[in-house]
Amino acid sequence: MAFIEYVPAKEWKLDPDNIVRIHGINPAVLRGHYELYRAIMFGESPLTRTQREMLAVVVSSLNGCHY
């Protein structure tokens, strides 16, 4: 079984999802992840915010993500 190092939840002020905890071991990567998320979800687009969220849910479901 593979193991990916991550920042334990107790070290965060909030309870982040696993992706954020994994990226948290490298602050530059975490910052890049957040900037990408903000650009995709809040940047200029012909899609509404609701449509973007729906697409994210569908893709996560197809990829077998449980969160």
Protein backbone atom coordinates (compact mmCIF):
# COMPACT_ATOMS: atom_id res chain seq x y z
CA MET A 1 0.00 0.00 0.00
CA ALA A 2 1.31 3.46 -0.91
CA PHE A 3 1.81 6.11 1.74
CA ILE A 4 1.80 9.83 1.08
CA GLU A 5 3.21 12.15 3.72
CA TYR A 6 0.80 14.86 4.86
CA VAL A 7 0.36 17.46 7.57
CA PRO A 8 -1.72 15.95 10.43
CA ALA A 9 -5.16 17.54 10.89
CA LYS A 10 -4.34 18.61 14.46
CA GLU A 11 -1.67 20.97 13.07
CA TRP A 12 -4.25 22.99 11.09
CA LYS A 13 -6.52 25.67 12.55
CA LEU A 14 -9.35 24.36 10.36
CA ASP A 15 -10.10 20.82 9.21
CA PRO A 16 -8.81 20.75 5.61
CA ASP A 17 -9.51 18.02 3.08
CA ASN A 18 -6.83 15.43 2.34
CA ILE A 19 -5.59 17.16 -0.83
CA VAL A 20 -4.84 20.34 1.09
CA ARG A 21 -3.16 18.34 3.88
CA ILE A 22 -0.92 16.57 1.34
CA HIS A 23 -0.01 19.81 -0.41
CA GLY A 24 0.58 21.40 3.00
CA ILE A 25 3.95 19.68 3.37
CA ASN A 26 5.21 22.05 0.67
CA PRO A 27 3.91 25.63 1.11
CA ALA A 28 4.75 26.62 -2.49
CA VAL A 29 2.70 23.69 -3.81
CA LEU A 30 -0.17 24.53 -1.45
CA ARG A 31 -0.14 28.14 -2.67
CA GLY A 32 -0.13 26.96 -6.31
CA HIS A 33 -3.04 24.57 -5.63
CA TYR A 34 -5.06 27.36 -4.03
CA GLU A 35 -4.32 29.82 -6.86
CA LEU A 36 -5.33 27.22 -9.46
CA TYR A 37 -8.57 26.50 -7.56
CA ARG A 38 -9.40 30.22 -7.30
CA ALA A 39 -8.74 30.75 -11.02
CA ILE A 40 -10.86 27.77 -12.04
CA MET A 41 -13.76 28.42 -9.69
CA PHE A 42 -13.86 32.22 -9.62
CA GLY A 43 -12.07 33.39 -12.80
CA GLU A 44 -13.77 34.64 -15.93
CA SER A 45 -15.71 31.87 -17.64
CA PRO A 46 -18.86 31.24 -19.67
CA LEU A 47 -19.85 28.78 -16.92
CA THR A 48 -21.63 29.88 -13.75
CA ARG A 49 -20.17 29.06 -10.36
CA THR A 50 -22.92 26.46 -9.87
CA GLN A 51 -22.06 24.78 -13.18
CA ARG A 52 -18.39 24.66 -12.21
CA GLU A 53 -19.24 23.05 -8.86
CA MET A 54 -21.48 20.51 -10.59
CA LEU A 55 -18.67 19.60 -12.99
CA ALA A 56 -16.28 19.18 -10.07
CA VAL A 57 -18.72 16.83 -8.33
CA VAL A 58 -19.23 14.73 -11.48
CA VAL A 59 -15.50 14.45 -12.17
CA SER A 60 -14.80 13.54 -8.53
CA SER A 61 -17.49 10.89 -8.67
CA LEU A 62 -16.15 9.43 -11.92
CA ASN A 63 -12.65 9.35 -10.38
CA GLY A 64 -13.96 7.52 -7.32
CA CYS A 65 -13.20 10.36 -4.89
CA HIS A 66 -15.05 9.86 -1.60
CA TYR A 67 -15.09 13.48 -0.49
